[in-house]
Protein backbone atom coordinates (compact mmCIF):
# COMPACT_ATOMS: atom_id res chain seq x y z
CA MET A 1 115.47 82.82 107.44
CA VAL A 2 115.30 86.47 108.45
CA LYS A 3 111.56 86.03 109.63
CA TYR A 4 112.53 82.96 111.70
CA ASP A 5 115.48 84.86 113.22
CA ILE A 6 113.30 87.73 114.10
CA ALA A 7 110.49 85.67 115.53
CA LYS A 8 112.93 83.94 117.87
CA LYS A 9 113.58 87.28 119.57
CA PHE A 10 110.10 87.02 121.00
CA ASN A 11 108.75 85.27 124.15
CA LEU A 12 106.85 82.59 122.10
CA SER A 13 105.48 79.40 123.80
CA GLY A 14 107.57 76.87 121.87
CA GLU A 15 109.68 76.08 118.79
CA ILE A 16 108.59 77.56 115.55
CA ASP A 17 106.91 75.25 113.12
CA SER A 18 106.08 77.69 110.22
CA ILE A 19 105.75 81.28 109.30
CA THR A 20 103.55 82.05 106.32
CA PRO A 21 102.12 85.45 104.83
CA TYR A 22 98.81 86.42 106.32
CA GLY A 23 95.90 88.67 105.55
CA GLU A 24 95.22 91.38 102.94
CA GLY A 25 96.92 94.45 104.49
CA HIS A 26 98.65 96.83 102.25
CA ILE A 27 100.81 98.79 104.61
CA ASN A 28 102.73 96.28 106.98
CA ASP A 29 104.11 92.92 106.20
CA THR A 30 102.16 90.30 108.17
CA PHE A 31 102.84 86.59 108.95
CA LEU A 32 101.14 83.79 110.86
CA VAL A 33 103.53 81.86 113.20
CA THR A 34 102.63 78.36 114.15
CA ILE A 35 104.34 76.51 116.98
CA LYS A 36 105.28 72.80 116.94
CA ASN A 37 103.16 70.31 118.89
CA SER A 38 101.01 73.29 120.14
CA SER A 39 97.80 75.04 119.11
CA ALA A 40 99.47 78.45 119.93
CA GLN A 41 99.66 80.77 116.96
CA TYR A 42 100.97 84.34 116.60
CA ILE A 43 100.99 87.29 114.31
CA LEU A 44 104.35 88.65 113.25
CA GLN A 45 104.46 92.06 111.75
CA ARG A 46 107.03 94.17 110.11
CA LEU A 47 106.01 97.84 110.38
CA ASN A 48 106.23 99.97 107.49
CA THR A 49 108.52 102.55 108.83
CA LYS A 50 108.42 104.86 105.82
CA ILE A 51 104.70 105.42 106.67
CA PHE A 52 105.06 105.23 110.40
CA SER A 53 108.51 107.00 110.97
CA ASN A 54 107.73 107.45 114.69
CA TYR A 55 107.41 103.75 115.26
CA ARG A 56 108.63 104.20 118.79
CA GLY A 57 105.65 106.45 119.77
CA LEU A 58 103.26 104.25 117.83
CA MET A 59 104.42 101.06 119.74
CA ASP A 60 104.25 103.07 123.04
CA ASN A 61 100.68 104.10 122.28
CA ILE A 62 99.70 100.50 121.54
CA GLN A 63 101.40 99.10 124.60
CA LYS A 64 99.61 101.72 126.77
CA VAL A 65 96.21 101.07 125.38
CA THR A 66 96.46 97.29 125.04
CA SER A 67 97.51 97.12 128.70
CA VAL A 68 94.50 99.04 129.90
CA LEU A 69 92.06 97.01 127.73
CA TYR A 70 93.54 93.80 129.05
CA ASN A 71 92.87 94.92 132.73
CA ILE A 72 89.34 96.04 131.75
CA VAL A 73 88.33 93.01 129.96
CA GLN A 74 89.70 90.82 132.73
CA SER A 75 87.75 92.91 135.36
CA GLN A 76 84.64 92.52 133.30
CA GLY A 77 85.14 88.69 133.16
CA GLY A 78 85.90 88.70 129.39
CA ASP A 79 88.42 86.48 127.41
CA VAL A 80 91.61 88.35 127.32
CA ASP A 81 93.00 86.18 124.67
CA ARG A 82 90.17 87.20 122.26
CA GLU A 83 88.62 90.39 123.24
CA CYS A 84 91.71 92.62 123.01
CA MET A 85 94.99 92.61 121.13
CA ARG A 86 97.84 91.01 123.15
CA LEU A 87 101.36 92.15 122.49
CA ILE A 88 104.03 89.46 123.02
CA PRO A 89 107.03 90.94 124.44
CA THR A 90 110.60 90.22 123.23
CA LEU A 91 112.96 88.13 125.28
CA ASP A 92 114.25 91.15 126.94
CA GLY A 93 110.69 92.45 127.81
CA LYS A 94 110.28 95.08 125.06
CA SER A 95 107.09 95.57 122.98
CA TYR A 96 109.03 95.53 119.63
CA TYR A 97 112.29 94.49 118.08
CA THR A 98 114.39 96.54 115.64
CA SER A 99 116.75 95.28 113.06
CA GLY A 100 118.40 97.94 111.08
CA SER A 101 115.63 100.25 109.87
CA ASP A 102 112.97 97.50 110.43
CA CYS A 103 110.57 97.41 113.36
CA TRP A 104 108.97 94.02 114.20
CA ARG A 105 106.23 93.12 116.71
CA VAL A 106 104.20 90.05 117.63
CA TYR A 107 100.67 89.75 118.71
CA LEU A 108 98.79 86.68 120.09
CA PHE A 109 96.63 85.20 117.17
CA VAL A 110 92.81 85.43 117.85
CA LYS A 111 91.48 82.18 116.70
CA ASP A 112 88.03 81.18 115.25
CA THR A 113 87.52 84.61 113.89
CA VAL A 114 86.62 86.10 110.45
CA VAL A 115 87.03 89.53 108.92
CA TYR A 116 84.52 91.03 106.54
CA GLN A 117 85.78 93.10 103.65
CA VAL A 118 82.29 94.26 102.67
CA ILE A 119 79.09 94.84 104.56
CA ASP A 120 76.69 92.15 103.40
CA SER A 121 73.91 92.73 106.02
CA PRO A 122 72.77 95.46 108.46
CA ASP A 123 73.47 93.01 111.17
CA VAL A 124 77.14 92.94 110.33
CA PHE A 125 77.35 96.72 110.31
CA GLU A 126 75.51 96.84 113.66
CA ASN A 127 77.95 94.39 115.15
CA THR A 128 80.79 96.51 113.95
CA GLY A 129 79.28 99.58 115.53
CA GLU A 130 78.78 97.86 118.93
CA ALA A 131 82.51 96.76 118.81
CA PHE A 132 83.80 100.32 118.12
CA GLY A 133 81.30 101.77 120.81
CA LYS A 134 82.42 99.36 123.36
CA PHE A 135 86.10 100.06 122.42
CA ILE A 136 85.65 103.78 123.14
CA ALA A 137 83.57 102.96 126.42
CA ARG A 138 86.35 100.76 127.77
CA LEU A 139 88.91 103.42 127.33
CA ASP A 140 86.77 106.21 128.75
CA GLY A 141 88.85 107.89 131.45
CA PHE A 142 91.97 107.07 129.78
CA ASP A 143 94.16 110.19 129.60
CA ALA A 144 94.39 110.56 125.78
CA ASN A 145 96.99 113.30 126.30
CA THR A 146 99.61 110.61 127.15
CA LEU A 147 99.45 109.26 123.57
CA CYS A 148 101.54 110.72 120.92
CA GLU A 149 100.22 111.85 117.52
CA VAL A 150 101.35 109.12 115.10
CA ILE A 151 100.08 111.29 112.22
CA PRO A 152 99.99 114.96 113.48
CA ASN A 153 96.68 116.76 112.59
CA PHE A 154 95.33 113.74 111.04
CA HIS A 155 91.66 114.73 111.43
CA ASN A 156 92.35 118.46 112.18
CA THR A 157 89.95 119.70 109.48
CA VAL A 158 90.97 123.38 110.03
CA ASP A 159 94.56 122.30 109.12
CA ARG A 160 93.16 120.20 106.15
CA TYR A 161 91.34 123.14 104.88
CA ASN A 162 94.36 125.52 105.10
CA LYS A 163 96.54 122.95 103.07
CA PHE A 164 93.70 122.77 100.57
CA LEU A 165 93.82 126.53 100.20
CA THR A 166 97.65 126.41 99.85
CA ALA A 167 97.18 123.67 97.22
CA ILE A 168 94.92 126.15 95.12
CA GLU A 169 97.35 128.95 95.52
CA GLN A 170 100.34 126.83 94.45
CA ASN A 171 98.51 125.04 91.74
CA LYS A 172 101.35 122.60 91.16
CA SER A 173 99.49 120.51 88.77
CA ASN A 174 98.12 123.41 86.72
CA ARG A 175 94.61 121.86 87.44
CA ALA A 176 92.95 124.58 89.64
CA GLN A 177 91.20 126.15 86.82
CA PHE A 178 89.48 123.01 85.68
CA VAL A 179 88.01 122.28 89.20
CA LYS A 180 86.42 125.71 90.11
CA GLU A 181 83.11 123.89 90.92
CA GLU A 182 84.74 121.56 93.30
CA ILE A 183 86.76 124.27 95.05
CA ASP A 184 83.58 126.33 95.44
CA PHE A 185 81.88 123.23 96.99
CA VAL A 186 84.52 123.14 99.64
CA LYS A 187 84.64 126.99 100.38
CA LYS A 188 80.87 127.21 100.69
CA ARG A 189 81.20 124.78 103.66
CA ALA A 190 84.27 126.06 105.25
CA ASP A 191 82.59 127.28 108.21
CA LYS A 192 81.60 123.71 109.13
CA LEU A 193 85.15 122.46 109.11
CA SER A 194 86.03 123.94 112.54
CA VAL A 195 82.94 122.67 114.37
CA ILE A 196 84.61 119.42 115.80
CA VAL A 197 87.96 121.15 116.36
CA ASP A 198 86.31 124.06 118.26
CA ALA A 199 84.18 121.74 120.33
CA LEU A 200 87.33 119.88 121.46
CA ASN A 201 89.25 123.09 122.17
CA SER A 202 86.44 124.49 124.26
CA LYS A 203 85.97 121.15 126.11
CA GLN A 204 82.42 120.92 124.88
CA ILE A 205 83.20 117.39 123.87
CA PRO A 206 85.93 115.23 125.53
CA LEU A 207 89.39 114.37 124.11
CA ARG A 208 89.28 110.60 123.78
CA VAL A 209 91.34 107.72 122.60
CA THR A 210 90.39 107.37 118.90
CA HIS A 211 91.18 104.44 116.47
CA ASN A 212 91.25 106.63 113.36
CA ASP A 213 90.78 103.53 110.95
CA THR A 214 87.30 102.27 111.72
CA LYS A 215 86.70 100.21 108.51
CA ILE A 216 84.69 97.09 108.92
CA ASN A 217 87.70 94.88 108.19
CA ASN A 218 89.53 96.05 111.44
CA VAL A 219 86.81 94.13 113.42
CA LEU A 220 87.34 90.46 114.25
CA ILE A 221 83.94 88.58 114.23
CA ASP A 222 83.44 85.25 116.06
CA ARG A 223 83.18 82.49 113.53
CA THR A 224 80.41 80.73 115.47
CA SER A 225 78.24 83.45 116.96
CA GLY A 226 78.74 86.18 114.29
CA LYS A 227 79.42 88.71 117.13
CA ALA A 228 82.23 91.17 116.94
CA ILE A 229 84.76 90.51 119.53
CA CYS A 230 88.02 92.53 118.88
CA ILE A 231 89.13 95.58 117.39
CA ILE A 232 92.49 95.23 115.48
CA ASP A 233 95.04 97.43 113.59
CA LEU A 234 95.76 99.93 116.38
CA ASP A 235 98.58 101.64 114.46
CA THR A 236 96.68 105.04 114.37
CA ILE A 237 95.52 105.14 117.86
CA MET A 238 95.69 108.78 118.91
CA PRO A 239 93.98 111.53 120.89
CA GLY A 240 90.81 112.82 119.17
CA SER A 241 87.11 112.81 119.24
CA LEU A 242 84.66 109.74 118.93
CA LEU A 243 83.00 111.88 116.19
CA TYR A 244 86.09 111.05 113.94
CA ASP A 245 85.68 107.31 114.41
CA PHE A 246 81.94 107.29 114.09
CA GLY A 247 81.97 109.52 111.01
CA ASP A 248 84.59 107.59 109.27
CA SER A 249 82.60 104.24 109.81
CA ILE A 250 79.55 106.04 108.46
CA ARG A 251 81.46 107.54 105.49
CA SER A 252 82.98 104.14 104.38
CA GLY A 253 80.04 101.90 105.29
CA CYS A 254 76.92 103.77 104.24
CA ASN A 255 78.01 104.64 100.66
CA THR A 256 76.11 102.56 98.14
CA ALA A 257 78.79 102.57 95.60
CA LEU A 258 82.56 102.23 95.37
CA GLU A 259 84.93 104.98 96.74
CA ASP A 260 86.08 105.63 93.09
CA GLU A 261 82.70 105.19 91.30
CA LYS A 262 82.50 107.37 88.28
CA ASP A 263 78.85 107.08 87.80
CA LEU A 264 77.60 109.37 90.51
CA SER A 265 74.02 108.25 89.98
CA LEU A 266 74.99 105.17 91.88
CA VAL A 267 76.29 106.93 94.81
CA ASP A 268 73.74 107.31 97.70
CA PHE A 269 73.64 107.41 101.54
CA ASP A 270 72.03 104.23 102.94
CA ILE A 271 70.05 105.55 105.98
CA ASN A 272 69.07 102.01 106.96
CA LEU A 273 72.66 101.11 107.43
CA TYR A 274 73.26 104.33 109.33
CA GLU A 275 70.56 103.40 111.74
CA ALA A 276 72.06 99.83 112.09
CA TYR A 277 75.42 101.23 112.96
CA CYS A 278 73.91 103.94 115.23
CA ARG A 279 72.05 101.20 117.18
CA GLY A 280 75.21 99.06 117.65
CA PHE A 281 77.51 101.89 118.52
CA LEU A 282 75.20 103.46 121.06
CA ARG A 283 74.57 100.04 122.60
CA GLY A 284 78.27 99.47 122.78
CA ILE A 285 79.18 102.86 124.39
CA GLY A 286 76.28 102.89 126.71
CA GLU A 287 76.18 105.80 129.13
CA LYS A 288 79.74 106.84 128.27
CA ILE A 289 78.71 109.08 125.36
CA THR A 290 77.81 112.80 126.41
CA ASP A 291 74.71 114.57 125.26
CA LYS A 292 76.77 116.93 123.11
CA GLU A 293 78.51 114.03 121.39
CA LEU A 294 75.21 112.34 120.64
CA GLU A 295 73.78 115.56 119.12
CA MET A 296 76.84 115.83 116.93
CA LEU A 297 77.07 112.31 115.52
CA HIS A 298 75.46 113.18 112.21
CA ILE A 299 77.77 116.18 112.03
CA GLY A 300 80.85 113.93 112.48
CA ALA A 301 79.67 111.85 109.69
CA ILE A 302 79.31 114.88 107.28
CA ILE A 303 82.51 116.63 108.32
CA ILE A 304 84.65 113.51 108.10
CA THR A 305 83.15 112.60 104.59
CA LEU A 306 83.86 116.20 103.47
CA GLU A 307 87.24 116.06 104.90
CA CYS A 308 88.20 112.95 102.84
CA GLY A 309 86.81 114.63 99.69
CA ILE A 310 89.09 117.68 100.32
CA ARG A 311 92.09 115.39 100.81
CA PHE A 312 91.37 113.75 97.47
CA LEU A 313 90.91 117.19 95.79
CA THR A 314 94.08 118.69 97.56
CA ASP A 315 96.15 115.72 96.36
CA TYR A 316 94.65 116.26 92.77
CA LEU A 317 95.71 119.83 92.83
CA ASP A 318 99.23 118.86 94.20
CA GLY A 319 99.87 116.33 91.30
CA ASP A 320 98.72 113.08 92.88
CA VAL A 321 101.74 112.79 95.32
CA TYR A 322 99.96 111.16 98.25
CA PHE A 323 97.21 108.83 97.21
CA LYS A 324 98.07 105.92 94.72
CA THR A 325 96.33 106.56 91.43
CA GLN A 326 95.54 104.27 88.60
CA TYR A 327 94.53 106.89 86.03
CA ALA A 328 95.02 110.79 85.57
CA ASP A 329 91.73 111.86 87.18
CA HIS A 330 91.45 109.16 89.86
CA ASN A 331 91.71 111.48 92.80
CA LEU A 332 89.11 113.74 91.10
CA VAL A 333 86.74 110.84 90.69
CA ARG A 334 87.28 110.03 94.45
CA CYS A 335 86.68 113.54 95.36
CA HIS A 336 83.32 113.54 93.44
CA THR A 337 82.15 110.51 95.18
CA GLN A 338 82.77 111.97 98.64
CA PHE A 339 81.19 115.27 97.85
CA LYS A 340 78.04 113.54 96.50
CA LEU A 341 77.96 111.56 99.65
CA VAL A 342 78.15 114.85 101.56
CA GLU A 343 75.17 116.27 99.76
CA LYS A 344 73.13 113.13 100.47
CA MET A 345 73.96 113.33 104.12
CA GLU A 346 73.11 117.00 104.31
CA SER A 347 69.75 116.46 102.77
CA GLN A 348 68.98 113.88 105.55
CA SER A 349 70.80 115.39 108.53
CA GLN A 350 67.70 115.89 110.58
CA GLN A 351 66.63 112.43 110.11
CA MET A 352 70.09 111.27 111.11
CA LEU A 353 69.89 113.22 114.32
CA ALA A 354 66.48 111.85 114.95
CA ILE A 355 67.71 108.37 114.46
CA ALA A 356 70.57 108.88 116.88
CA ARG A 357 68.20 110.07 119.55
CA LYS A 358 65.82 107.25 119.01
CA CYS A 359 68.65 104.62 119.12
CA LYS A 360 69.93 106.21 122.49
CA ASN A 361 66.44 106.19 124.06
CA ASN A 362 66.15 102.46 123.05
CA ILE A 363 69.09 101.20 124.81
């Protein structure tokens, strides 16, 4: 009965008919709420406050961003019930409800949509790119400094590198002597890790609102048209660079193998998928992207992939304390996959740059 009691704290449109588990998320607890004698449906979520300890800042970020998106979608003549996440307030007008250590929230359910877990065609990836590009474009001009860092230094690659060096020095797992080749791989590329951070600090590229979890399953696709209509999972909304979001999409979407593929001969960078995403992303963002950002898109993909590999290797050196593992060398296998992908991107970096320029010119 706890879920029913919690749901009744929110401004729903009628009497609750049912509350059932929903989705495939692994962090928050998610439920679908239906209303008696009504087509209205809602998403009820219990935030994982162990991961998101600053849930107040997180919810403040979401409320600010969704409010801005609502006004923009409305001004553009869009469907505010489908093109942006809609927080449903509590009965006393708050964006969330707390019960003990639990934090609960409710969203309006976006109907007639599907979510893809894998990319089954370039068109799907292109639509995803357009959705994330449009998301950034709509929030262009929003003062990202007003948002809190839900996860401090999440994509600060300089900080990630320093933590990596500390992990080597401390060698808590007594594994450092066995991964000298992997350590050298990172150190040889150390000078690249400050490129985005330096560009932000020097204002060569703008500080923007970034999503920071740009996987394909965080985009709702219209069931009929097949077009992407809404970006979801806004928990990691933070200040950053669009290069982070673009780079992570490419890292996760253009890998021809699983993230923990042991057979590295299967790991390759799909340049055709890269072009599809570029085409969609640049169409979505339009003129809001700066020339400097355009020229750095391929660099963002390489750096974010390298960063991910560094995080896996750091955790391996620390004794597998952050990422869940299924066997002893799981994090090392993940690291190898990312580093192989980095090499593949590096060998095609000029082609990646040419593709971005071509896609921009063809808009």
